[in-house]
N, C-alpha and C. Protein backbone atom coordinates (compact mmCIF):
# COMPACT_ATOMS: atom_id res chain seq x y z
N LEU A 1 97.68 93.45 85.60
CA LEU A 1 97.96 94.78 86.12
C LEU A 1 96.72 95.37 86.75
N LEU A 2 95.58 95.08 86.17
CA LEU A 2 94.33 95.62 86.70
C LEU A 2 94.07 95.11 88.12
N LYS A 3 94.46 93.86 88.42
CA LYS A 3 94.29 93.33 89.77
C LYS A 3 95.16 94.09 90.77
N VAL A 4 96.35 94.47 90.36
CA VAL A 4 97.27 95.18 91.25
C VAL A 4 96.82 96.63 91.44
N VAL A 5 96.47 97.29 90.35
CA VAL A 5 96.10 98.71 90.38
C VAL A 5 94.68 98.89 90.89
N GLY A 6 93.78 98.03 90.49
CA GLY A 6 92.38 98.14 90.89
C GLY A 6 91.57 98.84 89.81
N SER A 7 90.32 98.44 89.69
CA SER A 7 89.47 98.99 88.63
C SER A 7 89.20 100.48 88.82
N LYS A 8 89.32 100.97 90.04
CA LYS A 8 89.09 102.39 90.31
C LYS A 8 90.06 103.27 89.52
N TYR A 9 91.26 102.77 89.28
CA TYR A 9 92.30 103.55 88.60
C TYR A 9 92.55 103.08 87.18
N ARG A 10 91.60 102.37 86.60
CA ARG A 10 91.75 101.80 85.26
C ARG A 10 92.20 102.84 84.23
N GLN A 11 91.63 104.03 84.26
CA GLN A 11 91.96 105.06 83.28
C GLN A 11 93.40 105.55 83.43
N HIS A 12 94.03 105.28 84.56
CA HIS A 12 95.40 105.73 84.80
C HIS A 12 96.46 104.68 84.43
N ILE A 13 96.03 103.51 83.99
CA ILE A 13 96.97 102.43 83.70
C ILE A 13 98.03 102.83 82.67
N PRO A 14 97.70 103.51 81.57
CA PRO A 14 98.77 103.90 80.63
C PRO A 14 99.86 104.76 81.29
N GLU A 15 99.46 105.68 82.14
CA GLU A 15 100.45 106.53 82.83
C GLU A 15 101.24 105.73 83.86
N ILE A 16 100.58 104.83 84.57
CA ILE A 16 101.27 103.97 85.53
C ILE A 16 102.30 103.11 84.81
N LEU A 17 101.91 102.52 83.68
CA LEU A 17 102.84 101.71 82.90
C LEU A 17 104.02 102.53 82.40
N ARG A 18 103.75 103.74 81.92
CA ARG A 18 104.81 104.60 81.41
C ARG A 18 105.82 104.93 82.51
N ARG A 19 105.32 105.29 83.69
CA ARG A 19 106.21 105.64 84.80
C ARG A 19 106.97 104.43 85.32
N ALA A 20 106.27 103.32 85.47
CA ALA A 20 106.93 102.09 85.94
C ALA A 20 108.01 101.66 84.96
N SER A 21 107.71 101.75 83.67
CA SER A 21 108.68 101.38 82.64
C SER A 21 109.92 102.26 82.72
N LYS A 22 109.72 103.54 82.90
CA LYS A 22 110.83 104.49 83.01
C LYS A 22 111.72 104.14 84.21
N HIS A 23 111.10 103.86 85.35
CA HIS A 23 111.87 103.52 86.55
C HIS A 23 112.59 102.18 86.41
N MET A 24 111.94 101.20 85.79
CA MET A 24 112.60 99.90 85.60
C MET A 24 113.83 100.03 84.71
N GLU A 25 113.74 100.90 83.71
CA GLU A 25 114.89 101.09 82.83
C GLU A 25 116.01 101.81 83.57
N LEU A 26 115.68 102.83 84.33
CA LEU A 26 116.70 103.59 85.06
C LEU A 26 117.36 102.77 86.17
N VAL A 27 116.57 102.02 86.91
CA VAL A 27 117.07 101.30 88.08
C VAL A 27 117.65 99.93 87.72
N PHE A 28 116.94 99.18 86.87
CA PHE A 28 117.33 97.80 86.60
C PHE A 28 117.87 97.57 85.19
N GLY A 29 117.80 98.57 84.33
CA GLY A 29 118.26 98.39 82.96
C GLY A 29 117.31 97.54 82.13
N LEU A 30 116.03 97.56 82.48
CA LEU A 30 115.03 96.76 81.78
C LEU A 30 114.09 97.67 81.00
N GLU A 31 113.86 97.31 79.75
CA GLU A 31 112.94 98.08 78.91
C GLU A 31 111.65 97.28 78.73
N LEU A 32 110.52 97.92 78.99
CA LEU A 32 109.22 97.29 78.80
C LEU A 32 108.79 97.52 77.36
N THR A 33 108.61 96.44 76.60
CA THR A 33 108.27 96.52 75.19
C THR A 33 106.93 95.83 74.95
N GLU A 34 106.05 96.50 74.23
CA GLU A 34 104.76 95.90 73.91
C GLU A 34 104.95 94.90 72.77
N VAL A 35 104.56 93.66 73.01
CA VAL A 35 104.72 92.59 72.03
C VAL A 35 103.47 92.44 71.18
N ASP A 36 102.31 92.49 71.82
CA ASP A 36 101.03 92.31 71.12
C ASP A 36 100.02 93.31 71.68
N HIS A 37 99.75 94.35 70.90
CA HIS A 37 98.86 95.42 71.35
C HIS A 37 97.44 94.92 71.59
N SER A 38 96.94 94.06 70.73
CA SER A 38 95.55 93.61 70.84
C SER A 38 95.31 92.77 72.09
N ARG A 39 96.34 92.06 72.56
CA ARG A 39 96.19 91.21 73.75
C ARG A 39 96.92 91.79 74.96
N ASN A 40 97.48 93.01 74.82
CA ASN A 40 98.20 93.67 75.92
C ASN A 40 99.30 92.79 76.50
N ILE A 41 100.16 92.29 75.63
CA ILE A 41 101.28 91.45 76.05
C ILE A 41 102.56 92.27 75.96
N TYR A 42 103.34 92.22 77.05
CA TYR A 42 104.57 92.99 77.14
C TYR A 42 105.73 92.06 77.45
N ALA A 43 106.93 92.51 77.12
CA ALA A 43 108.16 91.77 77.43
C ALA A 43 109.15 92.73 78.08
N LEU A 44 109.94 92.21 79.01
CA LEU A 44 111.02 92.99 79.60
C LEU A 44 112.31 92.64 78.88
N ILE A 45 112.98 93.63 78.34
CA ILE A 45 114.22 93.45 77.60
C ILE A 45 115.37 93.99 78.43
N ASN A 46 116.40 93.17 78.63
CA ASN A 46 117.58 93.60 79.38
C ASN A 46 118.40 94.54 78.51
N LYS A 47 118.56 95.78 78.95
CA LYS A 47 119.30 96.78 78.19
C LYS A 47 120.73 96.97 78.69
N LEU A 48 121.13 96.21 79.70
CA LEU A 48 122.49 96.32 80.22
C LEU A 48 123.46 95.69 79.24
N ASN A 49 124.57 96.35 79.00
CA ASN A 49 125.59 95.82 78.09
C ASN A 49 126.64 95.07 78.89
N LEU A 50 126.37 93.81 79.14
CA LEU A 50 127.33 92.96 79.83
C LEU A 50 127.95 92.02 78.80
N GLY A 51 128.78 92.56 77.96
CA GLY A 51 129.38 91.77 76.90
C GLY A 51 130.40 90.77 77.42
N GLY A 52 130.49 89.65 76.73
CA GLY A 52 131.49 88.64 77.05
C GLY A 52 131.35 88.11 78.45
N ASP A 53 132.47 88.13 79.20
CA ASP A 53 132.50 87.59 80.55
C ASP A 53 132.29 88.65 81.61
N GLU A 54 131.93 89.86 81.20
CA GLU A 54 131.70 90.92 82.17
C GLU A 54 130.63 90.51 83.15
N GLY A 55 130.85 90.80 84.40
CA GLY A 55 129.87 90.48 85.41
C GLY A 55 130.01 89.08 85.96
N LEU A 56 130.87 88.27 85.40
CA LEU A 56 131.06 86.91 85.90
C LEU A 56 132.18 86.90 86.92
N SER A 57 132.02 86.08 87.94
CA SER A 57 133.09 85.93 88.91
C SER A 57 134.07 84.89 88.40
N ASP A 58 135.14 84.68 89.16
CA ASP A 58 136.15 83.69 88.77
C ASP A 58 135.56 82.29 88.67
N GLU A 59 134.53 82.02 89.45
CA GLU A 59 133.91 80.69 89.42
C GLU A 59 132.93 80.55 88.27
N GLY A 60 132.68 81.63 87.52
CA GLY A 60 131.75 81.57 86.39
C GLY A 60 130.30 81.62 86.82
N SER A 61 130.01 82.29 87.93
CA SER A 61 128.63 82.37 88.41
C SER A 61 127.83 83.36 87.56
N LEU A 62 126.55 83.43 87.83
CA LEU A 62 125.66 84.31 87.06
C LEU A 62 125.98 85.78 87.30
N PRO A 63 125.84 86.60 86.27
CA PRO A 63 125.95 88.04 86.49
C PRO A 63 124.84 88.51 87.44
N LYS A 64 125.07 89.63 88.09
CA LYS A 64 124.10 90.15 89.06
C LYS A 64 122.75 90.41 88.42
N SER A 65 122.74 90.85 87.16
CA SER A 65 121.46 91.15 86.51
C SER A 65 120.63 89.88 86.32
N ASP A 66 121.27 88.75 86.03
CA ASP A 66 120.53 87.49 85.88
C ASP A 66 119.94 87.06 87.21
N PHE A 67 120.73 87.21 88.27
CA PHE A 67 120.25 86.87 89.61
C PHE A 67 119.05 87.74 89.98
N LEU A 68 119.15 89.03 89.67
CA LEU A 68 118.07 89.96 89.96
C LEU A 68 116.80 89.56 89.22
N MET A 69 116.93 89.18 87.96
CA MET A 69 115.76 88.78 87.17
C MET A 69 115.09 87.54 87.77
N MET A 70 115.89 86.58 88.23
CA MET A 70 115.32 85.38 88.85
C MET A 70 114.60 85.74 90.15
N LEU A 71 115.20 86.62 90.94
CA LEU A 71 114.58 87.03 92.19
C LEU A 71 113.28 87.79 91.95
N LEU A 72 113.28 88.70 90.98
CA LEU A 72 112.05 89.42 90.63
C LEU A 72 110.98 88.46 90.11
N GLY A 73 111.40 87.42 89.39
CA GLY A 73 110.46 86.41 88.90
C GLY A 73 109.78 85.67 90.04
N ILE A 74 110.56 85.32 91.07
CA ILE A 74 109.99 84.65 92.24
C ILE A 74 108.97 85.55 92.92
N ILE A 75 109.32 86.82 93.09
CA ILE A 75 108.40 87.76 93.72
C ILE A 75 107.11 87.87 92.90
N PHE A 76 107.25 87.95 91.59
CA PHE A 76 106.08 88.04 90.71
C PHE A 76 105.20 86.79 90.84
N MET A 77 105.82 85.61 90.84
CA MET A 77 105.05 84.37 90.90
C MET A 77 104.35 84.20 92.25
N LYS A 78 104.84 84.85 93.27
CA LYS A 78 104.22 84.77 94.60
C LYS A 78 103.16 85.85 94.78
N GLY A 79 102.73 86.49 93.71
CA GLY A 79 101.68 87.50 93.80
C GLY A 79 102.19 88.89 94.11
N ASN A 80 103.42 89.19 93.69
CA ASN A 80 104.06 90.50 93.88
C ASN A 80 104.45 90.78 95.32
N ARG A 81 104.40 89.77 96.16
CA ARG A 81 104.84 89.89 97.55
C ARG A 81 105.47 88.57 97.94
N THR A 82 106.47 88.66 98.79
CA THR A 82 107.09 87.45 99.29
C THR A 82 107.64 87.71 100.68
N THR A 83 107.76 86.66 101.45
CA THR A 83 108.32 86.80 102.79
C THR A 83 109.83 86.62 102.75
N ARG A 84 110.47 87.04 103.80
CA ARG A 84 111.92 86.85 103.92
C ARG A 84 112.26 85.36 103.83
N GLU A 85 111.43 84.53 104.46
CA GLU A 85 111.67 83.09 104.45
C GLU A 85 111.60 82.52 103.04
N GLU A 86 110.64 83.00 102.24
CA GLU A 86 110.52 82.52 100.85
C GLU A 86 111.72 82.94 100.01
N VAL A 87 112.22 84.15 100.26
CA VAL A 87 113.41 84.60 99.53
C VAL A 87 114.61 83.75 99.92
N TRP A 88 114.79 83.48 101.21
CA TRP A 88 115.91 82.65 101.64
C TRP A 88 115.80 81.24 101.09
N GLU A 89 114.58 80.72 101.01
CA GLU A 89 114.38 79.39 100.43
C GLU A 89 114.80 79.39 98.97
N PHE A 90 114.48 80.46 98.25
CA PHE A 90 114.90 80.59 96.86
C PHE A 90 116.42 80.63 96.74
N LEU A 91 117.06 81.38 97.66
CA LEU A 91 118.52 81.50 97.61
C LEU A 91 119.17 80.17 97.90
């Protein structure tokens, strides 16, 4: 996170994390949970209630939230930025 935010704003990281966490939960249904305070390890928890077969198409494809998580993972692995071509390659 420090690489993305920059050392100039280091003191603001707790507030940035709090706001980003709030927006991720509102927009994507993801809760940011601290797993290990001493090592600053966090996990994203899916808070959407897609019980049973909800969100599945007739063909049994992935729910939209799973697809979104995979797409966000690709963006993260590419350094938080990706080109249209890289997204299409993923698709």
